[in-house]
């Protein structure tokens, strides 16, 4: 279903990157959440949710395994990120840093004109 229609109908979609390769010997080794195509689809889903006033979230191991993926999610404006218990502190601090960087860039934007 297109992201726009999903965002309009669902109460608050949660993207689940984990199930894309879970228990699959066929695609498990070939799937990488950091692939540009996957990231583009995630960005489209988050934007569709935002345009329709819906919550967006992602669960799965990607933000825990690849902290730069958590950065990407925050930069896209995702509302929530689920992480593995052992990564909570590390990713929470990282998310706070990215959010502060984005706020600073937004404050500085008028000065750059």
N, C-alpha and C. Protein backbone atom coordinates (compact mmCIF):
# COMPACT_ATOMS: atom_id res chain seq x y z
N UNK A 1 0.86 -1.17 0.00
CA UNK A 1 0.00 0.00 0.00
C UNK A 1 0.90 1.23 0.00
N UNK A 2 0.62 2.21 -0.83
CA UNK A 2 1.45 3.42 -0.85
C UNK A 2 1.53 4.08 0.52
N UNK A 3 2.67 4.69 0.81
CA UNK A 3 2.90 5.31 2.12
C UNK A 3 1.82 6.33 2.45
N UNK A 4 1.40 7.11 1.46
CA UNK A 4 0.40 8.15 1.70
C UNK A 4 -0.91 7.55 2.19
N UNK A 5 -1.39 6.50 1.53
CA UNK A 5 -2.65 5.87 1.95
C UNK A 5 -2.50 5.19 3.29
N UNK A 6 -1.36 4.56 3.53
CA UNK A 6 -1.12 3.93 4.82
C UNK A 6 -1.16 4.98 5.92
N UNK A 7 -0.47 6.10 5.71
CA UNK A 7 -0.42 7.16 6.72
C UNK A 7 -1.79 7.75 6.98
N UNK A 8 -2.64 7.80 5.97
CA UNK A 8 -3.99 8.35 6.14
C UNK A 8 -4.88 7.41 6.94
N UNK A 9 -4.68 6.12 6.80
CA UNK A 9 -5.57 5.14 7.41
C UNK A 9 -5.09 4.60 8.75
N UNK A 10 -3.82 4.42 8.89
CA UNK A 10 -3.29 3.79 10.10
C UNK A 10 -3.25 4.80 11.24
N UNK A 11 -3.51 4.34 12.47
CA UNK A 11 -3.48 5.26 13.60
C UNK A 11 -2.08 5.75 13.93
N UNK A 12 -1.08 5.03 13.58
CA UNK A 12 0.30 5.41 13.86
C UNK A 12 1.23 4.30 13.46
N UNK A 13 1.56 4.22 12.18
CA UNK A 13 2.36 3.09 11.72
C UNK A 13 3.71 3.01 12.39
N UNK A 14 4.11 1.80 12.68
CA UNK A 14 5.46 1.53 13.15
C UNK A 14 6.14 0.73 12.06
N UNK A 15 7.22 1.25 11.56
CA UNK A 15 7.99 0.55 10.54
C UNK A 15 8.80 -0.52 11.24
N UNK A 16 8.77 -1.71 10.73
CA UNK A 16 9.49 -2.81 11.37
C UNK A 16 10.54 -3.36 10.43
N UNK A 17 11.74 -2.86 10.55
CA UNK A 17 12.84 -3.31 9.71
C UNK A 17 13.28 -4.72 10.06
N UNK A 18 12.97 -5.15 11.26
CA UNK A 18 13.41 -6.46 11.73
C UNK A 18 12.79 -7.58 10.91
N UNK A 19 11.51 -7.49 10.61
CA UNK A 19 10.82 -8.57 9.93
C UNK A 19 11.17 -8.68 8.45
N UNK A 20 11.86 -7.73 7.91
CA UNK A 20 12.22 -7.79 6.50
C UNK A 20 13.11 -9.00 6.20
N UNK A 21 13.93 -9.40 7.17
CA UNK A 21 14.79 -10.55 6.94
C UNK A 21 14.71 -11.59 8.04
N UNK A 22 13.87 -11.40 8.99
CA UNK A 22 13.78 -12.31 10.13
C UNK A 22 13.48 -13.73 9.67
N UNK A 23 14.24 -14.66 10.17
CA UNK A 23 14.03 -16.09 9.91
C UNK A 23 14.10 -16.45 8.43
N UNK A 24 14.75 -15.68 7.62
CA UNK A 24 14.82 -15.99 6.20
C UNK A 24 16.26 -16.26 5.78
N UNK A 25 16.54 -17.52 5.50
CA UNK A 25 17.88 -17.87 5.02
C UNK A 25 18.09 -17.37 3.60
N UNK A 26 16.99 -17.11 2.90
CA UNK A 26 17.08 -16.68 1.50
C UNK A 26 17.55 -15.23 1.39
N UNK A 27 16.95 -14.32 2.15
CA UNK A 27 17.30 -12.90 2.03
C UNK A 27 18.04 -12.34 3.23
N UNK A 28 18.14 -13.10 4.30
CA UNK A 28 18.76 -12.61 5.52
C UNK A 28 20.13 -11.99 5.33
N UNK A 29 20.99 -12.65 4.56
CA UNK A 29 22.33 -12.13 4.35
C UNK A 29 22.40 -11.00 3.34
N UNK A 30 21.36 -10.85 2.54
CA UNK A 30 21.36 -9.83 1.49
C UNK A 30 20.72 -8.53 1.93
N UNK A 31 19.95 -8.56 3.00
CA UNK A 31 19.20 -7.38 3.44
C UNK A 31 20.07 -6.50 4.32
N UNK A 32 20.04 -5.22 4.07
CA UNK A 32 20.77 -4.26 4.89
C UNK A 32 19.90 -3.01 5.00
N UNK A 33 19.51 -2.69 6.23
CA UNK A 33 18.65 -1.54 6.46
C UNK A 33 19.27 -0.24 6.00
N UNK A 34 20.58 -0.21 5.85
CA UNK A 34 21.27 1.01 5.44
C UNK A 34 21.30 1.21 3.93
N UNK A 35 20.75 0.26 3.20
CA UNK A 35 20.69 0.37 1.74
C UNK A 35 19.95 1.66 1.37
N UNK A 36 20.44 2.40 0.39
CA UNK A 36 19.78 3.66 0.00
C UNK A 36 18.30 3.50 -0.36
N UNK A 37 17.94 2.38 -0.97
CA UNK A 37 16.53 2.16 -1.32
C UNK A 37 15.67 1.98 -0.09
N UNK A 38 16.18 1.25 0.90
CA UNK A 38 15.44 1.06 2.15
C UNK A 38 15.30 2.40 2.87
N UNK A 39 16.39 3.15 2.93
CA UNK A 39 16.34 4.44 3.60
C UNK A 39 15.37 5.39 2.90
N UNK A 40 15.31 5.33 1.60
CA UNK A 40 14.36 6.18 0.85
C UNK A 40 12.93 5.81 1.21
N UNK A 41 12.64 4.51 1.30
CA UNK A 41 11.29 4.08 1.67
C UNK A 41 10.94 4.51 3.09
N UNK A 42 11.90 4.40 4.00
CA UNK A 42 11.66 4.85 5.38
C UNK A 42 11.39 6.35 5.38
N UNK A 43 12.18 7.12 4.66
CA UNK A 43 11.98 8.58 4.59
C UNK A 43 10.61 8.91 4.04
N UNK A 44 10.17 8.18 3.01
CA UNK A 44 8.85 8.42 2.42
C UNK A 44 7.75 8.11 3.43
N UNK A 45 7.90 7.04 4.18
CA UNK A 45 6.89 6.67 5.16
C UNK A 45 6.80 7.70 6.28
N UNK A 46 7.95 8.16 6.77
CA UNK A 46 7.97 9.16 7.84
C UNK A 46 7.34 10.46 7.34
N UNK A 47 7.69 10.88 6.13
CA UNK A 47 7.11 12.11 5.57
C UNK A 47 5.61 11.96 5.36
N UNK A 48 5.17 10.80 4.89
CA UNK A 48 3.73 10.57 4.72
C UNK A 48 2.99 10.66 6.04
N UNK A 49 3.57 10.12 7.09
CA UNK A 49 2.96 10.22 8.41
C UNK A 49 2.88 11.67 8.86
N UNK A 50 3.98 12.40 8.69
CA UNK A 50 4.01 13.81 9.11
C UNK A 50 2.95 14.62 8.38
N UNK A 51 2.86 14.45 7.06
CA UNK A 51 1.86 15.19 6.27
C UNK A 51 0.43 14.90 6.71
N UNK A 52 0.21 13.72 7.24
CA UNK A 52 -1.13 13.31 7.63
C UNK A 52 -1.36 13.37 9.13
N UNK A 53 -0.45 14.00 9.85
CA UNK A 53 -0.61 14.16 11.29
C UNK A 53 -0.58 12.86 12.06
N UNK A 54 0.17 11.88 11.58
CA UNK A 54 0.27 10.58 12.22
C UNK A 54 1.63 10.38 12.86
N UNK A 55 1.66 9.56 13.87
CA UNK A 55 2.88 9.19 14.56
C UNK A 55 3.67 8.22 13.68
N UNK A 56 4.99 8.34 13.69
CA UNK A 56 5.83 7.37 12.98
C UNK A 56 6.87 6.82 13.95
N UNK A 57 7.14 5.55 13.83
CA UNK A 57 8.13 4.92 14.68
C UNK A 57 8.80 3.77 13.95
N UNK A 58 9.96 3.36 14.43
CA UNK A 58 10.65 2.23 13.85
C UNK A 58 11.12 1.31 14.96
N UNK A 59 10.83 0.03 14.78
CA UNK A 59 11.38 -0.96 15.70
C UNK A 59 12.24 -1.91 14.89
N UNK A 60 13.14 -2.55 15.55
CA UNK A 60 14.07 -3.45 14.89
C UNK A 60 15.46 -3.21 15.44
N UNK A 61 16.40 -3.96 14.96
CA UNK A 61 17.76 -3.88 15.49
C UNK A 61 18.62 -2.81 14.84
N UNK A 62 18.19 -2.27 13.71
CA UNK A 62 19.04 -1.35 12.95
C UNK A 62 19.58 -0.18 13.77
N UNK A 63 18.75 0.56 14.52
CA UNK A 63 19.31 1.69 15.27
C UNK A 63 20.31 1.26 16.35
N UNK A 64 20.13 0.06 16.89
CA UNK A 64 21.06 -0.44 17.90
C UNK A 64 22.36 -0.92 17.27
N UNK A 65 22.24 -1.62 16.16
CA UNK A 65 23.40 -2.19 15.48
C UNK A 65 24.19 -1.14 14.72
N UNK A 66 23.47 -0.22 14.10
CA UNK A 66 24.09 0.83 13.28
C UNK A 66 23.64 2.19 13.82
N UNK A 67 24.35 2.75 14.80
CA UNK A 67 23.94 4.02 15.38
C UNK A 67 23.73 5.13 14.35
N UNK A 68 24.45 5.09 13.23
CA UNK A 68 24.24 6.10 12.19
C UNK A 68 22.85 5.98 11.57
N UNK A 69 22.23 4.81 11.67
CA UNK A 69 20.86 4.65 11.19
C UNK A 69 19.91 5.40 12.12
N UNK A 70 20.20 5.40 13.41
CA UNK A 70 19.40 6.20 14.35
C UNK A 70 19.52 7.68 14.00
N UNK A 71 20.73 8.13 13.66
CA UNK A 71 20.92 9.53 13.23
C UNK A 71 20.02 9.84 12.04
N UNK A 72 20.04 8.94 11.05
CA UNK A 72 19.21 9.12 9.85
C UNK A 72 17.74 9.24 10.22
N UNK A 73 17.27 8.39 11.12
CA UNK A 73 15.86 8.43 11.52
C UNK A 73 15.50 9.77 12.15
N UNK A 74 16.35 10.25 13.04
CA UNK A 74 16.11 11.54 13.69
C UNK A 74 16.11 12.65 12.64
N UNK A 75 17.05 12.61 11.72
CA UNK A 75 17.11 13.62 10.66
C UNK A 75 15.86 13.62 9.80
N UNK A 76 15.22 12.46 9.67
CA UNK A 76 13.98 12.37 8.89
C UNK A 76 12.78 12.88 9.68
N UNK A 77 12.94 13.03 10.99
CA UNK A 77 11.84 13.52 11.82
C UNK A 77 10.95 12.43 12.39
N UNK A 78 11.48 11.22 12.50
CA UNK A 78 10.68 10.12 13.06
C UNK A 78 10.31 10.46 14.50
N UNK A 79 9.15 9.97 14.93
CA UNK A 79 8.66 10.29 16.28
C UNK A 79 9.21 9.38 17.36
N UNK A 80 9.46 8.11 17.04
CA UNK A 80 9.98 7.20 18.05
C UNK A 80 10.85 6.13 17.41
N UNK A 81 11.81 5.67 18.20
CA UNK A 81 12.75 4.64 17.77
C UNK A 81 12.83 3.61 18.88
N UNK A 82 12.67 2.36 18.53
CA UNK A 82 12.83 1.27 19.48
C UNK A 82 14.25 0.73 19.34
N UNK A 83 14.91 0.51 20.47
CA UNK A 83 16.28 -0.02 20.43
C UNK A 83 16.40 -1.19 21.40
N UNK A 84 17.46 -1.96 21.22
CA UNK A 84 17.75 -3.07 22.12
C UNK A 84 18.10 -2.51 23.50
N UNK A 85 17.77 -3.26 24.57
CA UNK A 85 18.02 -2.76 25.93
C UNK A 85 19.46 -2.33 26.18
N UNK A 86 20.42 -3.06 25.64
CA UNK A 86 21.82 -2.71 25.91
C UNK A 86 22.28 -1.46 25.15
N UNK A 87 21.44 -0.95 24.26
CA UNK A 87 21.81 0.24 23.48
C UNK A 87 21.03 1.48 23.89
N UNK A 88 20.15 1.36 24.87
CA UNK A 88 19.27 2.48 25.24
C UNK A 88 20.07 3.74 25.56
N UNK A 89 21.02 3.66 26.46
CA UNK A 89 21.76 4.85 26.86
C UNK A 89 22.55 5.44 25.69
N UNK A 90 23.28 4.59 24.98
CA UNK A 90 24.11 5.06 23.87
C UNK A 90 23.26 5.74 22.80
N UNK A 91 22.15 5.13 22.43
CA UNK A 91 21.32 5.69 21.36
C UNK A 91 20.56 6.91 21.85
N UNK A 92 20.11 6.91 23.10
CA UNK A 92 19.42 8.08 23.64
C UNK A 92 20.34 9.30 23.61
N UNK A 93 21.59 9.12 24.03
CA UNK A 93 22.55 10.23 23.99
C UNK A 93 22.82 10.67 22.56
N UNK A 94 22.92 9.71 21.68
CA UNK A 94 23.17 10.03 20.27
C UNK A 94 22.00 10.79 19.66
N UNK A 95 20.78 10.36 19.95
CA UNK A 95 19.58 11.04 19.46
C UNK A 95 19.56 12.48 19.98
N UNK A 96 19.88 12.67 21.26
CA UNK A 96 19.90 14.02 21.83
C UNK A 96 20.91 14.90 21.10
N UNK A 97 22.08 14.35 20.76
CA UNK A 97 23.09 15.12 20.04
C UNK A 97 22.60 15.52 18.64
N UNK A 98 21.98 14.59 17.95
CA UNK A 98 21.48 14.89 16.60
C UNK A 98 20.37 15.92 16.67
N UNK A 99 19.46 15.76 17.64
CA UNK A 99 18.37 16.74 17.79
C UNK A 99 18.92 18.13 18.07
N UNK A 100 19.94 18.22 18.91
CA UNK A 100 20.55 19.53 19.21
C UNK A 100 21.22 20.10 17.97
N UNK A 101 21.91 19.27 17.21
CA UNK A 101 22.55 19.73 15.97
C UNK A 101 21.50 20.27 15.01
N UNK A 102 20.37 19.58 14.89
CA UNK A 102 19.30 20.03 14.00
C UNK A 102 18.69 21.35 14.48
N UNK A 103 18.50 21.47 15.80
CA UNK A 103 17.97 22.73 16.35
C UNK A 103 18.93 23.87 16.10
N UNK A 104 20.23 23.63 16.30
CA UNK A 104 21.24 24.67 16.06
C UNK A 104 21.26 25.09 14.60
N UNK A 105 21.17 24.12 13.71
CA UNK A 105 21.16 24.43 12.27
C UNK A 105 19.94 25.26 11.91
N UNK A 106 18.82 24.94 12.53
CA UNK A 106 17.58 25.69 12.26
C UNK A 106 17.71 27.13 12.76
N UNK A 107 18.32 27.29 13.95
CA UNK A 107 18.52 28.65 14.49
C UNK A 107 19.48 29.46 13.63
N UNK A 108 20.48 28.79 13.06
CA UNK A 108 21.50 29.48 12.28
C UNK A 108 21.04 29.76 10.84
N UNK A 109 20.03 29.06 10.37
CA UNK A 109 19.59 29.21 8.97
C UNK A 109 19.26 30.65 8.59
N UNK A 110 18.52 31.41 9.43
CA UNK A 110 18.23 32.80 9.04
C UNK A 110 19.49 33.66 8.92
N UNK A 111 20.51 33.34 9.67
CA UNK A 111 21.75 34.12 9.63
C UNK A 111 22.55 33.85 8.36
N UNK A 112 22.32 32.70 7.75
CA UNK A 112 23.07 32.32 6.55
C UNK A 112 22.55 33.03 5.31
N UNK A 113 21.40 33.64 5.39
CA UNK A 113 20.82 34.30 4.21
C UNK A 113 21.44 35.62 3.94
